[in-house]
Amino acid sequence: MKLRNLARYLVLMLALTTLPLLAQNTASSATAGGKAARASKPTSSATSPSEKLDINSATKDQLEALLGIGSAYSQKIVDGRPYHSKRDLLTRKIVPQKTYDGIQDKIIAHRATAAKSKSSAGKPPKTK
C-alpha cells in the first residue's frame, strides 16, 4: 500500500513539473507557426546587417514603419543626419532611451564613403 501511494505521488509530481513546460512549448510553437504564416521575415532580435534599416539613408516612411517611431521622430532622424553610429540617436537626444531600446536591433548606421563625406575626402573609408 505504501509503495502504491509513493508511486502515485511521484507520478503526480512529475505531471505537475512537466505540464507547464509542455504548455509553454506548445504555446511558443503555435505562436511561431502563426507568425511564420503571416510574416515573410522572422521577427527575431538577431537581425542580420543586410536586413537592418540604415538610418543614414532610409526614407521618412521607412523610419516610421519602425515600432515607436512616428512622423516627429522620423523627421528628427532625417534632420540629424549623418550618424556615425546608431548610438548617436541617443547621444544627440533624437529619440528617448525606451524608443531606442525597441529599435536598436533593427537599425544600423552605415558610415559615409569618401565620395559622400566632406571630412574624409582623399582618405579611404575606415574598416573595422
N, C-alpha and C. Protein backbone atom coordinates (compact mmCIF):
# COMPACT_ATOMS: atom_id res chain seq x y z
N MET A 1 0.82 -1.19 0.00
CA MET A 1 0.00 0.00 0.00
C MET A 1 0.87 1.26 0.00
N LYS A 2 1.95 1.27 0.80
CA LYS A 2 2.84 2.42 0.83
C LYS A 2 3.52 2.62 -0.51
N LEU A 3 3.90 1.55 -1.15
CA LEU A 3 4.56 1.63 -2.45
C LEU A 3 3.62 2.23 -3.51
N ARG A 4 2.35 1.85 -3.46
CA ARG A 4 1.36 2.37 -4.39
C ARG A 4 1.18 3.89 -4.17
N ASN A 5 1.08 4.31 -2.91
CA ASN A 5 0.94 5.74 -2.62
C ASN A 5 2.17 6.52 -3.05
N LEU A 6 3.33 5.96 -2.86
CA LEU A 6 4.57 6.60 -3.28
C LEU A 6 4.62 6.75 -4.82
N ALA A 7 4.19 5.71 -5.51
CA ALA A 7 4.16 5.75 -6.97
C ALA A 7 3.18 6.82 -7.46
N ARG A 8 2.01 6.90 -6.85
CA ARG A 8 1.03 7.93 -7.21
C ARG A 8 1.61 9.33 -6.97
N TYR A 9 2.25 9.50 -5.84
CA TYR A 9 2.85 10.78 -5.50
C TYR A 9 3.91 11.18 -6.53
N LEU A 10 4.77 10.26 -6.91
CA LEU A 10 5.82 10.55 -7.89
C LEU A 10 5.23 10.89 -9.26
N VAL A 11 4.20 10.15 -9.68
CA VAL A 11 3.56 10.44 -10.97
C VAL A 11 2.90 11.82 -10.93
N LEU A 12 2.27 12.14 -9.83
CA LEU A 12 1.63 13.45 -9.68
C LEU A 12 2.67 14.57 -9.72
N MET A 13 3.77 14.40 -9.03
CA MET A 13 4.82 15.42 -9.02
C MET A 13 5.44 15.58 -10.41
N LEU A 14 5.65 14.47 -11.08
CA LEU A 14 6.19 14.52 -12.43
C LEU A 14 5.25 15.26 -13.38
N ALA A 15 3.97 14.97 -13.26
CA ALA A 15 2.97 15.63 -14.10
C ALA A 15 2.92 17.13 -13.80
N LEU A 16 2.98 17.50 -12.55
CA LEU A 16 2.91 18.91 -12.17
C LEU A 16 4.14 19.69 -12.63
N THR A 17 5.30 19.05 -12.67
CA THR A 17 6.50 19.77 -13.09
C THR A 17 6.64 19.84 -14.60
N THR A 18 6.15 18.84 -15.33
CA THR A 18 6.31 18.85 -16.78
C THR A 18 5.17 19.53 -17.50
N LEU A 19 4.01 19.62 -16.90
CA LEU A 19 2.86 20.23 -17.55
C LEU A 19 3.11 21.68 -17.95
N PRO A 20 3.67 22.54 -17.08
CA PRO A 20 3.96 23.91 -17.52
C PRO A 20 4.97 23.97 -18.66
N LEU A 21 5.95 23.09 -18.64
CA LEU A 21 6.94 23.07 -19.72
C LEU A 21 6.31 22.66 -21.04
N LEU A 22 5.44 21.68 -21.00
CA LEU A 22 4.75 21.25 -22.22
C LEU A 22 3.82 22.35 -22.73
N ALA A 23 3.12 22.99 -21.83
CA ALA A 23 2.21 24.07 -22.23
C ALA A 23 2.99 25.23 -22.84
N GLN A 24 4.12 25.57 -22.27
CA GLN A 24 4.94 26.67 -22.78
C GLN A 24 5.48 26.31 -24.16
N ASN A 25 5.95 25.10 -24.33
CA ASN A 25 6.50 24.66 -25.61
C ASN A 25 5.40 24.64 -26.67
N THR A 26 4.21 24.18 -26.34
CA THR A 26 3.11 24.13 -27.29
C THR A 26 2.68 25.54 -27.68
N ALA A 27 2.61 26.45 -26.71
CA ALA A 27 2.20 27.82 -26.99
C ALA A 27 3.21 28.53 -27.87
N SER A 28 4.50 28.33 -27.59
CA SER A 28 5.51 29.02 -28.38
C SER A 28 5.58 28.48 -29.79
N SER A 29 5.38 27.17 -29.99
CA SER A 29 5.41 26.63 -31.34
C SER A 29 4.17 27.04 -32.11
N ALA A 30 3.03 27.15 -31.46
CA ALA A 30 1.82 27.60 -32.14
C ALA A 30 1.94 29.07 -32.52
N THR A 31 2.52 29.87 -31.64
CA THR A 31 2.71 31.28 -31.93
C THR A 31 3.71 31.46 -33.06
N ALA A 32 4.78 30.72 -33.02
CA ALA A 32 5.80 30.83 -34.06
C ALA A 32 5.23 30.41 -35.41
N GLY A 33 4.40 29.38 -35.42
CA GLY A 33 3.79 28.94 -36.67
C GLY A 33 2.84 29.98 -37.21
N GLY A 34 2.09 30.63 -36.34
CA GLY A 34 1.18 31.67 -36.78
C GLY A 34 1.92 32.87 -37.32
N LYS A 35 3.01 33.24 -36.67
CA LYS A 35 3.79 34.38 -37.15
C LYS A 35 4.45 34.07 -38.47
N ALA A 36 4.93 32.84 -38.62
CA ALA A 36 5.60 32.46 -39.87
C ALA A 36 4.62 32.50 -41.03
N ALA A 37 3.37 32.17 -40.77
CA ALA A 37 2.38 32.20 -41.83
C ALA A 37 2.03 33.62 -42.22
N ARG A 38 2.08 34.56 -41.27
CA ARG A 38 1.71 35.94 -41.55
C ARG A 38 2.86 36.79 -42.05
N ALA A 39 4.06 36.56 -41.55
CA ALA A 39 5.19 37.42 -41.89
C ALA A 39 6.18 36.68 -42.77
N SER A 40 6.75 37.40 -43.71
CA SER A 40 7.72 36.77 -44.59
C SER A 40 9.11 36.75 -43.97
N LYS A 41 9.40 37.71 -43.07
CA LYS A 41 10.70 37.76 -42.42
C LYS A 41 10.56 37.34 -40.97
N PRO A 42 11.55 36.64 -40.40
CA PRO A 42 11.49 36.31 -38.98
C PRO A 42 11.61 37.58 -38.15
N THR A 43 10.98 37.56 -36.98
CA THR A 43 10.99 38.75 -36.12
C THR A 43 11.95 38.59 -34.97
N SER A 44 13.01 37.85 -35.16
CA SER A 44 13.98 37.66 -34.08
C SER A 44 14.79 38.93 -33.87
N SER A 45 15.35 39.03 -32.67
CA SER A 45 16.13 40.22 -32.36
C SER A 45 17.51 40.17 -33.02
N ALA A 46 17.92 38.99 -33.48
CA ALA A 46 19.21 38.85 -34.15
C ALA A 46 19.03 39.07 -35.65
N THR A 47 18.79 40.30 -36.04
CA THR A 47 18.60 40.63 -37.44
C THR A 47 19.95 40.78 -38.09
N SER A 48 20.10 40.22 -39.29
CA SER A 48 21.38 40.33 -39.97
C SER A 48 21.57 41.76 -40.47
N PRO A 49 22.82 42.19 -40.63
CA PRO A 49 23.08 43.57 -41.07
C PRO A 49 22.41 43.92 -42.40
N SER A 50 22.24 42.95 -43.29
CA SER A 50 21.62 43.25 -44.57
C SER A 50 20.13 43.53 -44.42
N GLU A 51 19.51 43.06 -43.35
CA GLU A 51 18.09 43.29 -43.12
C GLU A 51 17.83 44.53 -42.27
N LYS A 52 18.87 45.12 -41.72
CA LYS A 52 18.69 46.29 -40.86
C LYS A 52 18.47 47.55 -41.69
N LEU A 53 17.74 48.49 -41.13
CA LEU A 53 17.44 49.75 -41.79
C LEU A 53 18.54 50.76 -41.51
N ASP A 54 19.13 51.30 -42.56
CA ASP A 54 20.21 52.28 -42.43
C ASP A 54 19.60 53.65 -42.11
N ILE A 55 19.89 54.17 -40.93
CA ILE A 55 19.31 55.45 -40.53
C ILE A 55 19.90 56.63 -41.29
N ASN A 56 21.00 56.41 -42.00
CA ASN A 56 21.59 57.48 -42.81
C ASN A 56 20.97 57.59 -44.19
N SER A 57 20.29 56.56 -44.65
CA SER A 57 19.73 56.60 -46.00
C SER A 57 18.25 56.25 -46.08
N ALA A 58 17.63 55.83 -44.99
CA ALA A 58 16.23 55.43 -45.00
C ALA A 58 15.32 56.63 -45.24
N THR A 59 14.21 56.36 -45.90
CA THR A 59 13.22 57.42 -46.11
C THR A 59 12.43 57.64 -44.82
N LYS A 60 11.72 58.73 -44.78
CA LYS A 60 10.91 59.04 -43.61
C LYS A 60 9.85 57.96 -43.40
N ASP A 61 9.26 57.48 -44.48
CA ASP A 61 8.25 56.42 -44.38
C ASP A 61 8.84 55.12 -43.85
N GLN A 62 10.04 54.78 -44.28
CA GLN A 62 10.69 53.57 -43.79
C GLN A 62 10.98 53.68 -42.30
N LEU A 63 11.40 54.85 -41.85
CA LEU A 63 11.67 55.06 -40.43
C LEU A 63 10.38 54.98 -39.61
N GLU A 64 9.29 55.51 -40.15
CA GLU A 64 8.01 55.48 -39.44
C GLU A 64 7.49 54.07 -39.28
N ALA A 65 7.93 53.15 -40.12
CA ALA A 65 7.50 51.76 -40.01
C ALA A 65 8.10 51.07 -38.80
N LEU A 66 9.15 51.64 -38.21
CA LEU A 66 9.75 51.07 -37.00
C LEU A 66 8.83 51.30 -35.81
N LEU A 67 8.75 50.32 -34.94
CA LEU A 67 7.91 50.41 -33.76
C LEU A 67 8.35 51.56 -32.86
N GLY A 68 7.45 52.48 -32.54
CA GLY A 68 7.76 53.59 -31.66
C GLY A 68 8.24 54.84 -32.37
N ILE A 69 8.43 54.76 -33.68
CA ILE A 69 8.89 55.92 -34.44
C ILE A 69 7.71 56.46 -35.24
N GLY A 70 7.30 57.66 -34.90
CA GLY A 70 6.22 58.31 -35.63
C GLY A 70 6.79 59.35 -36.58
N SER A 71 5.93 60.23 -37.05
CA SER A 71 6.38 61.24 -38.02
C SER A 71 7.35 62.24 -37.39
N ALA A 72 7.15 62.59 -36.13
CA ALA A 72 8.03 63.56 -35.48
C ALA A 72 9.44 62.99 -35.30
N TYR A 73 9.54 61.77 -34.77
CA TYR A 73 10.87 61.16 -34.59
C TYR A 73 11.54 60.88 -35.93
N SER A 74 10.77 60.42 -36.91
CA SER A 74 11.39 60.13 -38.21
C SER A 74 11.94 61.41 -38.83
N GLN A 75 11.24 62.53 -38.66
CA GLN A 75 11.76 63.79 -39.19
C GLN A 75 13.01 64.23 -38.44
N LYS A 76 13.04 64.03 -37.12
CA LYS A 76 14.24 64.37 -36.35
C LYS A 76 15.42 63.51 -36.77
N ILE A 77 15.17 62.23 -37.07
CA ILE A 77 16.25 61.35 -37.52
C ILE A 77 16.79 61.82 -38.86
N VAL A 78 15.90 62.17 -39.78
CA VAL A 78 16.32 62.64 -41.10
C VAL A 78 17.10 63.96 -40.97
N ASP A 79 16.62 64.86 -40.14
CA ASP A 79 17.27 66.16 -39.97
C ASP A 79 18.63 66.06 -39.29
N GLY A 80 18.84 65.02 -38.48
CA GLY A 80 20.09 64.88 -37.74
C GLY A 80 21.20 64.16 -38.48
N ARG A 81 20.98 63.78 -39.72
CA ARG A 81 21.99 63.04 -40.48
C ARG A 81 23.20 63.88 -40.76
N PRO A 82 24.36 63.29 -40.92
CA PRO A 82 24.71 61.87 -40.88
C PRO A 82 25.00 61.41 -39.46
N TYR A 83 24.88 60.11 -39.26
CA TYR A 83 25.18 59.46 -37.98
C TYR A 83 26.40 58.57 -38.16
N HIS A 84 27.28 58.58 -37.19
CA HIS A 84 28.46 57.73 -37.23
C HIS A 84 28.15 56.35 -36.66
N SER A 85 27.21 56.30 -35.73
CA SER A 85 26.75 55.02 -35.18
C SER A 85 25.29 55.18 -34.78
N LYS A 86 24.63 54.07 -34.59
CA LYS A 86 23.22 54.15 -34.22
C LYS A 86 23.04 54.72 -32.82
N ARG A 87 24.07 54.65 -31.98
CA ARG A 87 24.00 55.26 -30.63
C ARG A 87 23.89 56.77 -30.69
N ASP A 88 24.24 57.36 -31.83
CA ASP A 88 24.09 58.81 -31.99
C ASP A 88 22.65 59.26 -31.78
N LEU A 89 21.69 58.38 -32.03
CA LEU A 89 20.29 58.72 -31.79
C LEU A 89 20.05 59.04 -30.32
N LEU A 90 20.82 58.40 -29.44
CA LEU A 90 20.71 58.69 -28.00
C LEU A 90 21.58 59.87 -27.60
N THR A 91 22.82 59.85 -28.04
CA THR A 91 23.75 60.89 -27.59
C THR A 91 23.33 62.28 -28.07
N ARG A 92 22.69 62.35 -29.22
CA ARG A 92 22.20 63.63 -29.73
C ARG A 92 20.77 63.92 -29.29
N LYS A 93 20.21 63.02 -28.48
CA LYS A 93 18.85 63.16 -27.94
C LYS A 93 17.80 63.27 -29.05
N ILE A 94 17.96 62.44 -30.07
CA ILE A 94 16.99 62.38 -31.16
C ILE A 94 15.78 61.56 -30.72
N VAL A 95 16.02 60.42 -30.07
CA VAL A 95 14.94 59.57 -29.55
C VAL A 95 15.25 59.23 -28.10
N PRO A 96 14.21 58.97 -27.29
CA PRO A 96 14.45 58.57 -25.89
C PRO A 96 14.96 57.14 -25.78
N GLN A 97 15.50 56.81 -24.62
CA GLN A 97 16.10 55.50 -24.37
C GLN A 97 15.12 54.36 -24.65
N LYS A 98 13.89 54.48 -24.20
CA LYS A 98 12.90 53.42 -24.37
C LYS A 98 12.64 53.15 -25.85
N THR A 99 12.53 54.20 -26.64
CA THR A 99 12.32 54.03 -28.07
C THR A 99 13.54 53.40 -28.72
N TYR A 100 14.73 53.85 -28.33
CA TYR A 100 15.97 53.29 -28.87
C TYR A 100 16.08 51.81 -28.55
N ASP A 101 15.72 51.44 -27.32
CA ASP A 101 15.78 50.03 -26.93
C ASP A 101 14.90 49.16 -27.83
N GLY A 102 13.78 49.71 -28.29
CA GLY A 102 12.87 48.96 -29.14
C GLY A 102 13.34 48.81 -30.58
N ILE A 103 14.20 49.72 -31.05
CA ILE A 103 14.59 49.69 -32.46
C ILE A 103 16.07 49.35 -32.68
N GLN A 104 16.87 49.29 -31.64
CA GLN A 104 18.32 49.15 -31.82
C GLN A 104 18.73 47.90 -32.59
N ASP A 105 17.96 46.83 -32.50
CA ASP A 105 18.30 45.61 -33.22
C ASP A 105 17.82 45.63 -34.67
N LYS A 106 17.09 46.67 -35.05
CA LYS A 106 16.53 46.75 -36.39
C LYS A 106 17.18 47.84 -37.25
N ILE A 107 18.12 48.59 -36.65
CA ILE A 107 18.73 49.70 -37.39
C ILE A 107 20.25 49.55 -37.44
N ILE A 108 20.83 50.29 -38.35
CA ILE A 108 22.28 50.36 -38.49
C ILE A 108 22.61 51.74 -39.05
N ALA A 109 23.82 52.22 -38.79
CA ALA A 109 24.26 53.50 -39.35
C ALA A 109 25.49 53.25 -40.19
N HIS A 110 25.28 53.08 -41.50
CA HIS A 110 26.43 52.91 -42.40
C HIS A 110 27.16 54.24 -42.49
N ARG A 111 28.46 54.17 -42.42
CA ARG A 111 29.25 55.40 -42.50
C ARG A 111 29.35 55.86 -43.94
N ALA A 112 29.44 57.15 -44.11
CA ALA A 112 29.54 57.73 -45.45
C ALA A 112 30.85 57.33 -46.11
N THR A 113 30.81 57.12 -47.41
CA THR A 113 32.04 56.80 -48.14
C THR A 113 32.76 58.09 -48.49
N ALA A 114 33.95 58.00 -49.02
CA ALA A 114 34.77 59.17 -49.35
C ALA A 114 34.05 60.09 -50.32
N ALA A 115 33.30 59.55 -51.23
CA ALA A 115 32.60 60.38 -52.22
C ALA A 115 31.46 61.16 -51.59
N LYS A 116 30.87 60.63 -50.52
CA LYS A 116 29.73 61.29 -49.90
C LYS A 116 30.12 62.24 -48.77
N SER A 117 31.22 61.96 -48.10
CA SER A 117 31.59 62.72 -46.91
C SER A 117 32.63 63.79 -47.22
N LYS A 118 32.40 65.00 -46.70
CA LYS A 118 33.34 66.10 -46.91
C LYS A 118 34.63 65.88 -46.10
N SER A 119 34.49 65.38 -44.87
CA SER A 119 35.64 65.26 -43.98
C SER A 119 36.59 64.16 -44.39
N SER A 120 36.13 63.18 -45.14
CA SER A 120 37.01 62.07 -45.50
C SER A 120 37.47 62.15 -46.95
N ALA A 121 37.41 63.31 -47.55
CA ALA A 121 37.83 63.46 -48.96
C ALA A 121 39.31 63.12 -49.09
N GLY A 122 39.63 62.21 -50.00
CA GLY A 122 41.01 61.82 -50.22
C GLY A 122 41.50 60.72 -49.31
N LYS A 123 40.70 60.31 -48.34
CA LYS A 123 41.08 59.25 -47.41
C LYS A 123 40.22 58.03 -47.67
N PRO A 124 40.79 56.85 -47.59
CA PRO A 124 39.97 55.65 -47.75
C PRO A 124 39.05 55.49 -46.52
N PRO A 125 37.88 54.89 -46.69
CA PRO A 125 36.98 54.70 -45.54
C PRO A 125 37.60 53.75 -44.54
N LYS A 126 37.34 54.02 -43.28
CA LYS A 126 37.85 53.19 -42.20
C LYS A 126 37.11 51.88 -42.17
N THR A 127 37.83 50.80 -41.90
CA THR A 127 37.20 49.49 -41.75
C THR A 127 37.51 48.97 -40.36
N LYS A 128 36.62 48.12 -39.88
CA LYS A 128 36.80 47.54 -38.54
C LYS A 128 37.35 46.18 -38.65
